[in-house]
Amino acid sequence: MQNFAAIDFETANYQRSSVCAVGVVIVRGGEIVDSFYSLIKPEPEYYNYRCSMVHGLCSEDTENAPVFPDVWKQIAPLIENLPLVAHNKAFDESCLKAVFRVYQMDYPDYEFYDTLKAARSRFPELSNHQLHTVSAVCGYNLENHHHALADAEACAWIAREIL
């Protein structure tokens, strides 16, 4: 796969619509050509302690952040005509669909690929197939795991290697 957009969401709580950060990495011709990161005011707007422990974000970080529709207006042109790739697409795709529903936005039928599923097939010998493990095998050192842009970049590296 030479042209795609790797995407990663972080959520404020266990509601999939509560996206509080997004990272997108654009790959064209097999090269990373652009990236985008934004904090997002989550909906519903509260933080679960366990989610905050994972990504380090809290309500103070997003109290002045834009709402999802405003962020998506910036992302949509970047990803136009590109398939989306995520590590564990079940999570990221469900977040995207949920937040589109919450804001009553028309959901384009995005084509989604899953580097987690591909990694399980390609590297069955790994002790786990977590993002940091698979990205290391693919030559990317993920230093800021659970930062949406760092995770999207790691996903892009994996996708370039195995999709």
Protein backbone atom coordinates (compact mmCIF):
# COMPACT_ATOMS: atom_id res chain seq x y z
CA MET A 1 0.00 0.00 0.00
CA GLN A 2 1.55 3.25 -1.14
CA ASN A 3 -1.17 5.83 -0.44
CA PHE A 4 -3.16 5.98 2.79
CA ALA A 5 -3.88 7.92 5.97
CA ALA A 6 -2.94 6.37 9.31
CA ILE A 7 -5.26 7.57 12.08
CA ASP A 8 -5.33 7.24 15.85
CA PHE A 9 -7.79 8.47 18.46
CA GLU A 10 -7.53 8.83 22.22
CA THR A 11 -10.73 8.91 24.27
CA ALA A 12 -11.59 10.75 27.46
CA ASN A 13 -13.79 7.98 28.84
CA TYR A 14 -15.28 4.65 27.81
CA GLN A 15 -17.74 6.27 25.41
CA ARG A 16 -16.33 5.85 21.90
CA SER A 17 -17.62 9.30 20.98
CA SER A 18 -15.41 10.91 23.63
CA VAL A 19 -12.45 11.44 21.32
CA CYS A 20 -10.10 13.93 22.97
CA ALA A 21 -7.13 13.74 20.58
CA VAL A 22 -6.54 12.69 16.99
CA GLY A 23 -3.38 12.07 15.02
CA VAL A 24 -3.30 11.56 11.25
CA VAL A 25 -0.28 10.71 9.09
CA ILE A 26 -0.60 10.98 5.31
CA VAL A 27 1.46 8.58 3.17
CA ARG A 28 1.75 9.06 -0.59
CA GLY A 29 4.04 7.05 -2.80
CA GLY A 30 5.16 5.15 0.29
CA GLU A 31 6.50 8.30 1.96
CA ILE A 32 5.11 10.30 4.87
CA VAL A 33 4.15 13.64 3.32
CA ASP A 34 1.96 15.29 5.94
CA SER A 35 0.63 14.94 9.45
CA PHE A 36 -2.05 16.48 11.62
CA TYR A 37 -2.65 16.52 15.37
CA SER A 38 -5.32 18.16 17.46
CA LEU A 39 -6.82 18.00 20.88
CA ILE A 40 -10.63 17.78 20.81
CA LYS A 41 -13.29 18.76 23.33
CA PRO A 42 -14.74 15.32 24.12
CA GLU A 43 -18.41 14.42 24.02
CA PRO A 44 -19.48 13.51 26.65
CA GLU A 45 -17.11 15.95 28.30
CA TYR A 46 -15.65 14.11 31.27
CA TYR A 47 -12.48 12.13 31.82
CA ASN A 48 -12.24 8.66 33.23
CA TYR A 49 -9.25 8.19 35.52
CA ARG A 50 -8.09 5.04 33.71
CA CYS A 51 -8.19 6.71 30.29
CA SER A 52 -6.25 9.69 31.60
CA MET A 53 -3.65 7.35 33.05
CA VAL A 54 -3.13 5.82 29.60
CA HIS A 55 -2.71 8.99 27.53
CA GLY A 56 -2.03 11.65 30.17
CA LEU A 57 -4.79 14.01 29.06
CA CYS A 58 -7.35 15.59 31.37
CA SER A 59 -10.16 18.14 31.21
CA GLU A 60 -7.77 21.08 31.58
CA ASP A 61 -6.03 19.99 28.37
CA THR A 62 -9.18 20.11 26.26
CA GLU A 63 -11.38 22.73 27.92
CA ASN A 64 -10.55 25.24 25.15
CA ALA A 65 -10.07 22.67 22.39
CA PRO A 66 -12.24 22.72 19.26
CA VAL A 67 -15.21 20.37 18.94
CA PHE A 68 -14.93 17.39 16.61
CA PRO A 69 -16.77 18.87 13.58
CA ASP A 70 -14.32 21.78 13.50
CA VAL A 71 -11.34 19.42 13.69
CA TRP A 72 -12.76 17.10 11.04
CA LYS A 73 -13.14 20.02 8.63
CA GLN A 74 -9.34 20.24 8.70
CA ILE A 75 -8.78 16.48 8.38
CA ALA A 76 -11.32 15.66 5.64
CA PRO A 77 -9.39 17.37 2.81
CA LEU A 78 -6.14 15.68 3.90
CA ILE A 79 -7.60 12.18 3.72
CA GLU A 80 -9.82 12.63 0.67
CA ASN A 81 -9.72 9.55 -1.59
CA LEU A 82 -7.35 7.73 0.78
CA PRO A 83 -8.03 4.51 2.68
CA LEU A 84 -7.64 4.80 6.44
CA VAL A 85 -5.32 2.57 8.44
CA ALA A 86 -5.37 2.01 12.19
CA HIS A 87 -3.72 -0.38 14.63
CA ASN A 88 -6.83 -2.10 16.00
CA LYS A 89 -9.26 -0.58 13.53
CA ALA A 90 -12.19 -1.89 15.58
CA PHE A 91 -11.45 0.80 18.16
CA ASP A 92 -10.57 3.74 15.92
CA GLU A 93 -13.28 3.06 13.33
CA SER A 94 -15.91 2.76 16.07
CA CYS A 95 -14.73 6.04 17.60
CA LEU A 96 -15.01 7.78 14.26
CA LYS A 97 -18.49 6.41 13.60
CA ALA A 98 -19.66 7.24 17.13
CA VAL A 99 -18.51 10.84 17.04
CA PHE A 100 -20.05 11.32 13.59
CA ARG A 101 -23.36 10.06 15.08
CA VAL A 102 -23.14 12.34 18.12
CA TYR A 103 -22.70 15.40 15.92
CA GLN A 104 -25.24 14.13 13.35
CA MET A 105 -22.67 14.29 10.57
CA ASP A 106 -23.02 12.20 7.43
CA TYR A 107 -20.47 9.40 7.69
CA PRO A 108 -18.60 8.68 4.46
CA ASP A 109 -18.04 4.98 4.04
CA TYR A 110 -14.31 5.13 4.74
CA GLU A 111 -12.26 2.14 3.67
CA PHE A 112 -10.38 0.98 6.80
CA TYR A 113 -7.39 -1.37 7.07
CA ASP A 114 -6.06 -2.92 10.26
CA THR A 115 -2.33 -3.20 10.98
CA LEU A 116 -3.06 -5.23 14.12
CA LYS A 117 -4.77 -7.97 12.13
CA ALA A 118 -2.04 -7.86 9.49
CA ALA A 119 0.69 -8.03 12.15
CA ARG A 120 -0.86 -11.10 13.76
CA SER A 121 -0.73 -12.82 10.39
CA ARG A 122 2.74 -11.57 9.39
CA PHE A 123 4.46 -11.95 12.78
CA PRO A 124 2.80 -14.89 14.56
CA GLU A 125 5.95 -15.48 16.60
CA LEU A 126 5.71 -12.18 18.53
CA SER A 127 4.82 -12.43 22.20
CA ASN A 128 2.22 -9.68 21.64
CA HIS A 129 1.06 -7.51 18.77
CA GLN A 130 0.76 -4.22 20.60
CA LEU A 131 1.61 -1.10 18.64
CA HIS A 132 5.00 -0.51 20.25
CA THR A 133 6.04 -4.14 19.76
CA VAL A 134 5.06 -4.35 16.10
CA SER A 135 6.41 -0.91 15.23
CA ALA A 136 9.80 -1.86 16.70
CA VAL A 137 9.90 -4.98 14.48
CA CYS A 138 9.12 -2.68 11.53
CA GLY A 139 11.95 -0.28 12.39
CA TYR A 140 10.10 2.47 14.25
CA ASN A 141 10.94 3.39 17.83
CA LEU A 142 7.67 4.50 19.43
CA GLU A 143 8.81 6.80 22.23
CA ASN A 144 5.56 8.59 23.06
CA HIS A 145 3.05 5.73 23.07
CA HIS A 146 -0.59 6.85 23.45
CA HIS A 147 0.09 10.27 21.97
CA ALA A 148 -2.29 10.19 19.00
CA LEU A 149 0.21 11.55 16.47
CA ALA A 150 3.05 9.27 17.61
CA ASP A 151 0.72 6.26 17.45
CA ALA A 152 -0.51 7.26 13.97
CA GLU A 153 3.08 7.57 12.78
CA ALA A 154 3.96 4.14 14.21
CA CYS A 155 0.90 2.73 12.45
CA ALA A 156 2.03 4.34 9.19
CA TRP A 157 5.45 2.71 9.52
CA ILE A 158 3.85 -0.69 10.12
CA ALA A 159 1.45 -0.26 7.20
CA ARG A 160 4.28 0.63 4.82
CA GLU A 161 6.06 -2.55 5.83
CA ILE A 162 3.27 -5.12 5.91
CA LEU A 163 0.20 -3.91 4.01
